[in-house]
Protein backbone atom coordinates (compact mmCIF):
# COMPACT_ATOMS: atom_id res chain seq x y z
CA MET A 1 0.00 0.00 0.00
CA ILE A 2 1.20 3.50 -0.80
CA GLU A 3 1.59 5.71 2.22
CA SER A 4 1.17 9.47 2.15
CA ILE A 5 3.94 11.40 3.90
CA ASP A 6 3.38 15.08 4.56
CA THR A 7 6.67 16.49 5.85
CA SER A 8 9.58 18.61 4.69
CA LEU A 9 10.90 15.38 3.19
CA ILE A 10 8.69 16.02 0.15
CA ASP A 11 10.19 19.45 -0.50
CA TRP A 12 13.77 18.30 -0.01
CA SER A 13 13.28 15.25 -2.22
CA ARG A 14 11.75 17.40 -4.94
CA ALA A 15 14.55 19.95 -4.58
CA GLN A 16 17.23 17.27 -4.89
CA PHE A 17 15.64 15.77 -7.99
CA ALA A 18 15.16 19.21 -9.53
CA LEU A 19 18.80 20.07 -8.82
CA THR A 20 20.04 16.90 -10.52
CA ALA A 21 17.69 17.28 -13.49
CA MET A 22 18.60 20.93 -14.08
CA TYR A 23 22.33 20.25 -13.94
CA HIS A 24 21.89 17.25 -16.23
CA TRP A 25 20.03 19.42 -18.72
CA LEU A 26 23.03 21.73 -18.93
CA PHE A 27 24.86 18.94 -20.77
CA VAL A 28 22.20 17.04 -22.73
CA PRO A 29 21.06 19.75 -25.18
CA LEU A 30 24.59 20.55 -26.28
CA THR A 31 25.19 16.83 -26.87
CA LEU A 32 22.09 16.62 -29.08
CA GLY A 33 22.78 19.80 -31.04
CA LEU A 34 26.55 19.83 -31.37
CA GLY A 35 26.54 16.15 -32.29
CA VAL A 36 24.43 16.76 -35.38
CA ILE A 37 26.45 19.83 -36.41
CA GLN A 38 29.78 17.98 -36.17
CA ALA A 39 28.27 15.10 -38.18
CA ILE A 40 27.17 17.56 -40.89
CA MET A 41 30.68 18.99 -41.03
CA GLU A 42 32.24 15.55 -41.33
CA THR A 43 29.75 14.70 -44.07
CA ILE A 44 30.96 17.76 -45.99
CA TYR A 45 34.53 16.56 -45.48
CA VAL A 46 33.78 13.10 -46.85
CA ARG A 47 31.93 14.54 -49.85
CA THR A 48 34.52 17.22 -50.70
CA GLY A 49 37.75 15.66 -49.42
CA LYS A 50 38.87 19.05 -48.05
CA GLU A 51 41.08 18.74 -44.98
CA PHE A 52 39.67 22.03 -43.72
CA TRP A 53 36.35 20.35 -42.97
CA LYS A 54 38.06 17.46 -41.24
CA THR A 55 39.88 19.89 -38.95
CA THR A 56 36.65 21.78 -38.33
CA ALA A 57 34.70 18.61 -37.50
CA GLN A 58 37.49 17.38 -35.19
CA PHE A 59 37.46 20.63 -33.25
CA TRP A 60 33.73 20.58 -32.53
CA MET A 61 33.93 16.84 -31.87
CA LYS A 62 36.48 17.50 -29.15
CA LEU A 63 34.11 19.91 -27.38
CA PHE A 64 31.28 17.41 -27.89
CA GLY A 65 33.32 14.73 -26.15
CA ILE A 66 34.08 16.89 -23.12
CA ASN A 67 30.41 17.71 -22.69
CA PHE A 68 29.22 14.14 -23.35
CA ALA A 69 31.42 12.59 -20.66
CA ILE A 70 30.19 14.85 -17.87
CA GLY A 71 26.56 14.59 -19.01
CA VAL A 72 26.64 10.80 -18.57
CA ALA A 73 27.70 11.15 -14.92
CA THR A 74 24.78 13.42 -13.99
CA GLY A 75 22.32 11.23 -15.93
CA LEU A 76 23.27 8.12 -13.99
CA ILE A 77 22.70 9.87 -10.66
CA LEU A 78 19.30 11.07 -11.87
CA GLU A 79 18.12 7.52 -12.61
CA PHE A 80 19.38 6.19 -9.28
CA GLU A 81 17.31 8.80 -7.43
CA PHE A 82 14.10 7.09 -8.54
CA GLY A 83 15.05 4.13 -6.36
CA THR A 84 16.52 6.04 -3.44
CA ASN A 85 14.22 9.05 -3.04
CA TRP A 86 11.08 7.91 -4.87
CA SER A 87 10.75 4.23 -3.99
CA ASN A 88 6.94 4.37 -3.66
CA TYR A 89 6.79 5.79 -7.17
CA SER A 90 9.21 3.15 -8.47
CA TRP A 91 7.16 0.37 -6.91
CA PHE A 92 3.84 1.77 -8.09
CA VAL A 93 4.88 2.17 -11.76
CA GLY A 94 8.09 0.18 -12.06
CA ASP A 95 6.67 -2.24 -14.63
CA ILE A 96 5.92 0.67 -16.97
CA PHE A 97 8.47 3.34 -16.17
CA GLY A 98 11.33 0.85 -16.09
CA ALA A 99 10.69 -0.46 -19.61
CA PRO A 100 11.66 2.71 -21.55
CA LEU A 101 14.67 3.26 -19.28
CA ALA A 102 15.78 -0.35 -19.82
CA ILE A 103 15.48 0.02 -23.60
CA GLU A 104 17.42 3.27 -23.37
CA GLY A 105 20.24 1.49 -21.53
CA ILE A 106 20.29 -1.64 -23.68
CA LEU A 107 19.77 -0.15 -27.14
CA ALA A 108 20.49 3.55 -27.28
CA PHE A 109 23.32 3.79 -24.75
CA PHE A 110 24.88 0.65 -26.24
CA MET A 111 24.94 2.38 -29.64
CA GLU A 112 26.63 5.41 -28.16
CA ALA A 113 29.20 3.37 -26.23
CA THR A 114 30.00 1.22 -29.28
CA PHE A 115 30.46 3.88 -31.93
CA ILE A 116 31.78 6.78 -29.87
CA ALA A 117 35.14 5.03 -29.56
CA VAL A 118 35.40 4.77 -33.35
CA MET A 119 34.29 8.39 -33.69
CA PHE A 120 37.04 9.71 -31.40
CA PHE A 121 39.87 7.25 -31.99
CA GLY A 122 39.12 5.87 -35.43
CA TRP A 123 40.48 8.72 -37.51
CA ASN A 124 42.90 7.18 -40.03
CA LYS A 125 42.26 3.71 -38.59
CA VAL A 126 39.04 3.04 -40.49
CA SER A 127 37.78 4.30 -43.84
CA LYS A 128 36.30 7.78 -44.08
CA ARG A 129 32.83 6.44 -44.75
CA PHE A 130 32.89 4.01 -41.84
CA HIS A 131 34.08 6.78 -39.55
CA LEU A 132 31.29 9.04 -40.80
CA ALA A 133 28.76 6.28 -40.18
CA SER A 134 30.10 5.89 -36.62
CA THR A 135 29.71 9.62 -36.02
CA TRP A 136 26.10 9.60 -37.20
CA LEU A 137 25.31 6.42 -35.24
CA THR A 138 26.74 7.99 -32.08
CA ILE A 139 24.47 11.00 -32.30
CA ILE A 140 21.53 8.81 -33.34
CA GLY A 141 22.18 6.73 -30.23
CA ALA A 142 22.24 9.88 -28.07
CA THR A 143 18.98 11.03 -29.64
CA LEU A 144 17.38 7.62 -29.05
CA SER A 145 18.47 7.85 -25.42
CA ALA A 146 16.52 11.09 -25.21
CA LEU A 147 13.56 9.43 -26.94
CA TRP A 148 13.13 6.66 -24.36
CA ILE A 149 13.68 8.95 -21.40
CA LEU A 150 11.14 11.40 -22.79
CA ILE A 151 8.66 8.57 -23.38
CA ALA A 152 8.97 7.74 -19.68
CA ASN A 153 8.50 11.38 -18.73
CA ALA A 154 5.52 11.77 -21.07
CA TRP A 155 3.85 8.76 -19.48
CA MET A 156 4.03 10.57 -16.14
CA GLN A 157 2.30 13.55 -17.76
CA HIS A 158 -0.33 11.37 -19.49
CA PRO A 159 -0.45 7.73 -18.28
CA ALA A 160 -1.62 5.37 -21.05
CA GLY A 161 -1.36 1.72 -22.04
CA MET A 162 -1.59 0.46 -18.47
CA HIS A 163 -3.94 -1.12 -15.97
CA PHE A 164 -3.79 -1.27 -12.19
CA ASN A 165 -3.21 -4.64 -10.53
CA PRO A 166 -4.78 -4.50 -7.03
CA ASP A 167 -3.05 -7.72 -5.96
CA THR A 168 0.42 -6.26 -6.42
CA VAL A 169 -0.58 -2.58 -6.02
CA ARG A 170 1.28 -1.81 -9.22
CA ASN A 171 0.44 -0.33 -12.57
CA GLU A 172 1.27 -2.81 -15.32
CA MET A 173 1.76 -2.22 -19.01
CA PHE A 174 -0.63 -3.96 -21.38
CA ASP A 175 0.04 -1.90 -24.53
CA PHE A 176 3.67 -0.99 -25.12
CA TRP A 177 2.88 0.98 -28.27
CA ALA A 178 0.28 3.09 -26.48
CA VAL A 179 3.08 4.15 -24.14
CA ALA A 180 5.77 4.59 -26.81
CA LEU A 181 3.58 6.30 -29.42
CA SER A 182 1.56 8.50 -27.09
CA PRO A 183 0.96 11.87 -28.79
CA VAL A 184 2.33 13.53 -25.67
CA ALA A 185 5.54 11.47 -25.94
CA ILE A 186 6.06 12.07 -29.66
CA ASN A 187 5.52 15.80 -29.37
CA LYS A 188 7.70 16.06 -26.25
CA PHE A 189 10.51 14.18 -28.02
CA PHE A 190 10.61 16.44 -31.08
CA HIS A 191 10.19 19.62 -29.04
CA THR A 192 13.00 18.67 -26.67
CA VAL A 193 15.42 17.51 -29.36
CA LEU A 194 14.81 20.65 -31.41
CA SER A 195 15.57 22.77 -28.33
CA GLY A 196 18.87 20.88 -28.06
CA TRP A 197 19.63 21.62 -31.70
CA ILE A 198 19.11 25.33 -31.01
CA VAL A 199 21.53 25.17 -28.08
CA GLY A 200 24.12 23.48 -30.31
CA ALA A 201 23.65 26.06 -33.06
CA LEU A 202 23.97 29.01 -30.66
CA PHE A 203 27.04 27.42 -29.09
CA VAL A 204 28.73 27.10 -32.49
CA ILE A 205 28.00 30.63 -33.69
CA GLY A 206 28.86 32.03 -30.25
CA ILE A 207 32.26 30.34 -29.99
CA SER A 208 32.98 31.13 -33.64
CA SER A 209 32.18 34.79 -32.94
CA TRP A 210 34.75 34.73 -30.13
CA TYR A 211 37.40 33.77 -32.70
CA LEU A 212 36.34 36.70 -34.88
CA LEU A 213 36.58 39.04 -31.90
CA LYS A 214 40.12 37.74 -31.32
CA LYS A 215 40.82 37.98 -35.09
CA ARG A 216 41.69 34.29 -35.25
CA GLU A 217 40.64 31.38 -37.49
CA THR A 218 38.45 33.60 -39.65
CA GLU A 219 37.68 31.02 -42.33
CA PHE A 220 36.88 28.37 -39.73
CA ALA A 221 34.66 30.78 -37.78
CA LEU A 222 32.68 32.05 -40.77
CA SER A 223 32.12 28.54 -42.13
CA SER A 224 30.97 27.31 -38.72
CA ILE A 225 28.68 30.32 -38.28
CA LYS A 226 26.98 29.68 -41.62
CA ILE A 227 26.28 26.03 -40.81
CA GLY A 228 25.22 26.87 -37.24
CA ALA A 229 22.88 29.66 -38.38
CA ILE A 230 21.18 27.54 -41.05
CA PHE A 231 20.84 24.59 -38.66
CA GLY A 232 19.56 26.80 -35.85
CA LEU A 233 17.06 28.61 -38.05
CA VAL A 234 15.58 25.34 -39.31
CA ALA A 235 15.32 24.04 -35.72
CA SER A 236 13.77 27.31 -34.51
CA ILE A 237 11.09 27.27 -37.19
CA LEU A 238 10.27 23.61 -36.55
CA ILE A 239 10.04 24.19 -32.81
CA ILE A 240 7.15 26.61 -33.40
CA TRP A 241 5.21 23.65 -34.80
CA THR A 242 6.09 21.36 -31.89
CA GLY A 243 5.37 24.16 -29.43
CA ASP A 244 1.88 24.51 -30.86
CA GLY A 245 1.41 20.75 -30.52
CA SER A 246 2.67 20.89 -26.95
CA ALA A 247 0.18 23.62 -26.03
CA TYR A 248 -2.65 21.55 -27.51
CA GLN A 249 -1.63 18.42 -25.61
CA VAL A 250 -1.37 20.37 -22.35
CA ALA A 251 -4.85 21.83 -22.89
CA GLN A 252 -6.30 18.38 -23.52
CA LYS A 253 -4.47 16.39 -20.84
CA GLN A 254 -3.34 18.93 -18.20
CA PRO A 255 -5.72 21.92 -18.19
CA MET A 256 -4.50 23.12 -14.79
CA LYS A 257 -0.98 23.48 -16.20
CA LEU A 258 -2.36 25.58 -19.08
CA ALA A 259 -4.29 27.79 -16.66
CA ALA A 260 -1.12 28.35 -14.61
CA MET A 261 0.89 29.12 -17.76
CA GLU A 262 -1.58 31.90 -18.54
CA GLY A 263 -2.38 33.06 -15.02
CA LEU A 264 -5.96 32.29 -15.97
CA TYR A 265 -8.33 32.08 -13.00
CA GLU A 266 -11.70 32.60 -14.69
CA GLY A 267 -12.09 30.88 -18.04
CA SER A 268 -14.24 32.04 -20.93
CA TYR A 269 -15.23 31.38 -24.51
CA GLY A 270 -12.92 32.92 -27.10
CA GLN A 271 -10.14 33.20 -24.51
CA GLY A 272 -7.18 35.37 -25.46
CA ILE A 273 -3.53 34.72 -24.67
CA VAL A 274 -1.43 37.07 -22.53
CA ALA A 275 1.32 38.54 -24.70
CA ILE A 276 2.76 40.76 -21.95
CA GLY A 277 1.65 40.82 -18.33
CA VAL A 278 2.72 41.29 -14.74
CA LEU A 279 1.08 39.14 -12.07
CA ASN A 280 -0.35 40.74 -8.96
CA PRO A 281 1.66 39.64 -5.89
CA ASP A 282 -1.41 40.32 -3.72
CA LYS A 283 -3.19 37.39 -5.39
CA THR A 284 -2.67 34.67 -2.78
CA SER A 285 -5.68 32.39 -3.26
CA TYR A 286 -7.96 31.24 -6.03
CA LYS A 287 -10.88 32.10 -3.72
CA ASP A 288 -10.05 35.78 -3.19
CA ASN A 289 -11.39 38.50 -5.46
CA VAL A 290 -8.01 40.08 -6.19
CA ASN A 291 -7.23 40.80 -9.85
CA PRO A 292 -4.48 38.31 -10.87
CA PHE A 293 -2.70 40.93 -13.02
CA LEU A 294 -1.29 44.37 -12.38
CA PHE A 295 -1.49 44.84 -16.14
CA ARG A 296 -1.60 42.68 -19.25
CA ILE A 297 -1.78 42.92 -23.02
CA GLU A 298 -3.88 40.13 -24.48
CA ILE A 299 -4.21 38.76 -28.02
CA PRO A 300 -7.91 37.90 -28.46
CA LYS A 301 -9.07 34.29 -28.95
CA VAL A 302 -5.59 32.83 -29.48
CA LEU A 303 -5.61 30.63 -26.37
CA SER A 304 -8.96 29.11 -27.36
CA PHE A 305 -7.56 28.28 -30.78
CA LEU A 306 -4.36 26.78 -29.37
CA ALA A 307 -6.29 24.73 -26.80
CA GLU A 308 -9.23 23.49 -28.86
CA ARG A 309 -8.50 24.51 -32.47
CA LYS A 310 -11.58 26.74 -32.32
CA ALA A 311 -11.36 30.50 -31.84
CA ASP A 312 -14.56 30.60 -29.77
CA ALA A 313 -13.94 27.47 -27.68
CA TYR A 314 -14.20 27.50 -23.89
CA VAL A 315 -10.97 27.39 -21.88
CA PRO A 316 -11.36 26.77 -18.12
CA GLY A 317 -9.40 28.75 -15.58
CA ILE A 318 -8.07 27.72 -12.18
CA VAL A 319 -11.31 28.55 -10.36
CA ASN A 320 -13.35 26.62 -12.93
CA LEU A 321 -11.10 23.57 -12.64
CA ILE A 322 -11.39 23.61 -8.85
CA GLU A 323 -15.14 24.22 -8.71
CA GLY A 324 -16.12 22.18 -11.80
CA GLY A 325 -19.54 22.42 -13.40
CA TYR A 326 -18.46 23.54 -16.87
CA THR A 327 -18.74 21.32 -19.95
CA THR A 328 -15.49 19.64 -20.94
CA HIS A 329 -14.29 19.22 -24.52
CA ASN A 330 -15.65 15.66 -24.33
CA GLY A 331 -19.13 17.05 -23.71
CA THR A 332 -19.33 15.82 -20.11
CA PRO A 333 -19.80 18.00 -17.01
CA ALA A 334 -16.52 18.66 -15.20
CA LEU A 335 -16.21 17.32 -11.67
CA SER A 336 -15.17 19.66 -8.89
CA ALA A 337 -11.96 19.10 -6.95
CA HIS A 338 -13.99 18.02 -3.92
CA GLU A 339 -15.81 15.40 -6.03
CA LYS A 340 -12.51 14.08 -7.38
CA ILE A 341 -11.03 13.92 -3.89
CA ALA A 342 -14.08 11.98 -2.69
CA LYS A 343 -13.73 9.52 -5.58
CA GLY A 344 -10.02 9.18 -4.84
CA LYS A 345 -10.66 8.36 -1.20
CA LEU A 346 -13.30 5.86 -2.30
CA ALA A 347 -10.77 4.19 -4.61
CA ILE A 348 -8.13 3.98 -1.86
CA LYS A 349 -10.63 2.50 0.58
CA ALA A 350 -11.87 0.04 -2.05
CA LEU A 351 -8.29 -1.11 -2.62
CA ALA A 352 -7.80 -1.74 1.11
CA ASP A 353 -11.16 -3.54 1.31
CA TYR A 354 -10.29 -5.67 -1.70
CA ARG A 355 -6.96 -6.76 -0.24
CA ASN A 356 -8.54 -7.58 3.13
CA ALA A 357 -11.30 -9.55 1.42
CA ARG A 358 -8.76 -11.52 -0.63
CA LYS A 359 -6.75 -12.18 2.50
CA ASN A 360 -9.88 -13.54 4.18
CA LYS A 361 -10.86 -15.43 1.00
CA ASP A 362 -14.11 -13.48 0.75
CA GLU A 363 -14.54 -13.42 -3.04
CA VAL A 364 -17.94 -11.72 -2.99
CA ASN A 365 -16.73 -8.64 -1.11
CA ALA A 366 -13.50 -8.74 -3.08
CA GLN A 367 -15.38 -8.42 -6.38
CA GLN A 368 -17.59 -5.66 -5.03
CA SER A 369 -14.56 -3.71 -3.84
CA LEU A 370 -12.79 -4.31 -7.13
CA THR A 371 -15.73 -2.88 -9.06
CA ILE A 372 -15.70 0.27 -6.91
CA LEU A 373 -11.92 0.55 -7.32
CA ASN A 374 -12.04 0.28 -11.11
CA GLU A 375 -14.82 2.86 -11.36
CA ASN A 376 -12.91 5.40 -9.31
CA PHE A 377 -9.28 4.59 -10.13
CA PRO A 378 -8.89 7.50 -12.61
CA TYR A 379 -9.08 9.74 -9.52
CA PHE A 380 -6.95 7.51 -7.27
CA GLY A 381 -4.32 10.16 -6.59
CA TYR A 382 -6.87 12.75 -5.51
CA GLY A 383 -7.50 10.64 -2.41
CA TYR A 384 -4.17 11.88 -1.00
CA ILE A 385 -5.05 15.56 -1.54
CA LYS A 386 -6.13 17.33 1.65
CA ASP A 387 -6.98 20.76 0.23
CA PRO A 388 -8.11 21.62 -3.33
CA ALA A 389 -5.56 24.47 -3.31
CA GLU A 390 -2.83 21.78 -3.44
CA LEU A 391 -3.94 21.06 -7.02
CA ILE A 392 -2.77 24.49 -8.19
CA PRO A 393 0.89 24.65 -9.31
CA HIS A 394 3.05 27.68 -8.64
CA VAL A 395 1.38 30.18 -10.96
CA GLY A 396 4.09 32.84 -10.95
CA LEU A 397 6.95 30.47 -11.72
CA THR A 398 5.00 28.71 -14.47
CA PHE A 399 3.65 31.94 -16.00
CA TYR A 400 6.99 33.76 -16.22
CA SER A 401 9.00 30.68 -17.26
CA PHE A 402 6.65 30.13 -20.19
CA ARG A 403 7.10 33.71 -21.38
CA ILE A 404 10.87 33.60 -20.99
CA MET A 405 10.94 30.48 -23.17
CA VAL A 406 8.71 32.00 -25.87
CA ILE A 407 10.42 35.41 -25.95
CA LEU A 408 13.88 33.84 -26.18
CA GLY A 409 12.63 31.48 -28.90
CA ALA A 410 11.52 34.46 -31.00
CA TYR A 411 14.85 36.19 -30.31
CA PHE A 412 16.78 33.13 -31.50
CA ILE A 413 14.92 33.11 -34.83
CA LEU A 414 15.83 36.76 -35.37
CA LEU A 415 19.46 36.16 -34.38
CA PHE A 416 19.89 33.20 -36.74
CA ILE A 417 18.42 35.21 -39.62
CA VAL A 418 20.71 38.19 -38.96
CA ALA A 419 23.76 35.93 -38.54
CA LEU A 420 22.99 34.13 -41.80
CA ILE A 421 22.51 37.38 -43.73
CA TYR A 422 25.75 38.89 -42.44
CA SER A 423 27.72 35.69 -43.05
CA ASN A 424 26.48 35.51 -46.65
CA LYS A 425 27.38 39.16 -47.26
CA LYS A 426 30.78 38.55 -45.61
CA LYS A 427 30.21 41.47 -43.22
CA PHE A 428 30.38 39.35 -40.09
CA THR A 429 34.08 40.00 -39.53
CA GLN A 430 33.51 43.79 -39.42
CA THR A 431 30.34 43.69 -37.29
CA ARG A 432 31.66 43.47 -33.75
CA TRP A 433 28.33 44.19 -32.08
CA LEU A 434 26.86 41.09 -33.74
CA GLN A 435 29.87 39.03 -32.65
CA TYR A 436 29.29 40.08 -29.04
CA VAL A 437 25.56 39.41 -29.32
CA CYS A 438 26.20 35.89 -30.63
CA LEU A 439 28.78 35.16 -27.93
CA TRP A 440 26.57 36.31 -25.07
CA SER A 441 23.54 34.51 -26.49
CA ILE A 442 25.04 31.13 -25.51
CA PRO A 443 23.77 31.27 -21.89
CA LEU A 444 20.35 32.46 -23.14
CA ALA A 445 19.95 29.13 -24.94
CA TYR A 446 20.37 27.28 -21.66
CA ILE A 447 17.99 29.65 -19.86
CA ALA A 448 15.32 28.97 -22.49
CA GLY A 449 15.74 25.21 -22.09
CA GLN A 450 15.59 25.35 -18.30
CA ALA A 451 12.50 27.59 -18.49
CA GLY A 452 10.79 25.02 -20.72
CA TRP A 453 11.42 22.24 -18.22
CA ILE A 454 10.17 24.42 -15.36
CA VAL A 455 6.89 24.88 -17.24
CA ALA A 456 6.65 21.14 -17.90
CA GLU A 457 7.49 19.93 -14.40
CA VAL A 458 6.39 22.70 -12.03
CA GLY A 459 3.21 23.13 -14.08
CA ARG A 460 2.09 19.55 -13.43
CA GLN A 461 2.46 19.65 -9.68
CA PRO A 462 1.32 18.19 -7.35
CA TRP A 463 1.44 15.11 -9.57
CA ALA A 464 4.24 12.59 -9.93
CA ILE A 465 1.81 10.78 -12.25
CA GLN A 466 -1.04 12.90 -13.51
CA ASP A 467 -4.23 12.26 -11.46
CA ILE A 468 -2.94 8.89 -10.18
CA LEU A 469 -0.05 9.58 -7.81
CA PRO A 470 0.85 12.88 -6.10
CA THR A 471 4.41 13.57 -4.99
CA CYS A 472 3.37 13.33 -1.32
CA ALA A 473 2.60 9.61 -1.87
CA ALA A 474 5.55 8.89 -4.17
CA ILE A 475 8.56 9.51 -1.96
CA SER A 476 10.65 7.11 0.08
CA LYS A 477 10.59 6.95 3.87
CA LEU A 478 13.84 8.75 4.57
CA ASN A 479 15.19 11.04 7.22
CA PRO A 480 14.87 14.59 5.84
CA SER A 481 18.34 15.40 7.15
CA SER A 482 19.87 12.69 4.94
CA VAL A 483 18.18 14.19 1.87
CA GLN A 484 19.39 17.65 2.88
CA THR A 485 22.94 16.33 3.22
CA THR A 486 22.92 14.64 -0.19
CA PHE A 487 21.33 17.74 -1.73
CA PHE A 488 24.30 19.89 -0.75
CA LEU A 489 26.77 17.15 -1.64
CA PHE A 490 25.24 16.89 -5.12
CA LEU A 491 25.22 20.68 -5.41
CA LEU A 492 28.94 20.74 -4.65
CA LEU A 493 29.72 17.79 -6.92
CA PHE A 494 27.71 19.08 -9.88
CA THR A 495 29.15 22.57 -9.51
CA ILE A 496 32.68 21.14 -9.53
CA LEU A 497 31.84 19.10 -12.64
CA LEU A 498 30.37 22.16 -14.37
CA ILE A 499 33.38 24.31 -13.51
CA ALA A 500 35.69 21.51 -14.70
CA GLU A 501 33.82 21.21 -17.99
CA ILE A 502 33.88 24.94 -18.61
CA GLY A 503 37.58 25.07 -17.76
CA ILE A 504 38.48 22.18 -20.07
CA MET A 505 36.33 23.62 -22.86
CA VAL A 506 37.85 27.10 -22.51
CA LYS A 507 41.33 25.58 -22.71
CA ALA A 508 40.38 23.65 -25.85
CA ILE A 509 38.77 26.73 -27.41
CA LYS A 510 41.82 28.89 -26.70
CA LYS A 511 44.00 26.23 -28.30
CA GLY A 512 41.91 26.49 -31.43
CA PRO A 513 41.15 24.22 -34.37
CA GLU A 514 44.42 24.86 -36.13
CA LYS A 515 46.26 23.04 -33.33
CA ILE A 516 44.53 19.72 -34.04
CA THR A 517 46.76 17.26 -35.83
CA VAL A 518 45.54 16.42 -39.31
CA ASN A 519 46.84 13.14 -40.73
CA VAL A 520 46.48 11.70 -44.20
CA PRO A 521 43.29 9.60 -44.25
CA ASN A 522 43.03 6.04 -45.46
CA ASN A 523 41.61 5.42 -48.89
CA ASP A 524 38.07 4.13 -49.18
């Protein structure tokens, strides 16, 4: 049986997991983006035979390798935390959540581990084409790793392809493809990978701009900028499409997250989207009558269109979701939070009654309890909620993070266009302001990615699994002081790793691409 624990342990466990995930995401997007860019450069080398492109690809590959190695370390710690800090969660969904992670380890990580050695050490030891294939297979393996991890994460946002086994108190998978091909999972995968591509593109044009500022490696820098700008622009345009799909999926599966993203308390038909707004800090409860905004500029009807594909569709706000009574997009009346909590408590009690009846070999009462459990299981997690206000995520953090992500995304499109125009006109070397802008845009790429994950994860609170398991029932029984201790140990460790990576990268960048040894390749 899952036990609800309401102590500071929940906050510290969440903080530790968030810390690990955010540090891990400093390394993953650059792996995804820079890996593809270096593979494109090596492809140009194989097609043209120009040693310049081999030297260029080797340089970016070296930075890729530094980042990849440290990213693996943080990723392993992240997966171990499911067993140490979230053992109730791991028990409750282990049969489902473990499958994508196992495939990631067996298939995707195996591909990376196999071909990355050839990619780094196989120059002049294998044919050019085999080496190129190894480079592409390495980055494909890294991307597949992201796929299976994101499938697992998407299942937490929208559980599908499973049924609950009351005898084991576990959710069990009955349709693997429903889990793997969930529209939430597919959209999340493409949106996340494209964000990584943008990070890689900004990293390349930013570092290349540093060389131009130092008046070094001009040909290398301009060639890298052109490829990075084209690659980044394509990714930025595609991410608009996946972002639209993400908003639609959130509206359909997680309406409370959408309401928090918009600071929307009272829904309406033909709901607009907030383009610019400042939340009112005096708004402390969904039940007060305080205006949620100090000011806002709204684009009419856009939110309704994004959420339901109809400009005049109804979009519920936080108050509506708590109080219920409106008509859902399925045409059914929405339950209130109190009704869902009551159904959740009924499901939890029915589970206990079922297990007691089975223990006493009372099949009649067991079947009656099982029927009640199955009818109310979609609201199982609500049974652990004590106050409907717990169902509201942090509105301010979700609202502002979403706008930071969108504003930076629009800025990146503009930057890639300007960089591409100036590189084609060969004015980049004389335009120092643009070189500085590109260089200092590198951290903005990481801020945009972190903001996106804050929207995704903070916005779905209090749920570890949407509607089925809240975080208060998912954690392990640990001493809060032990979690606090490991939190600060991880903070120190990850900070040291980050500083080490930056230091090693800076040293490699200062050394420059011209310092890389270029040998005569083998013939095909």
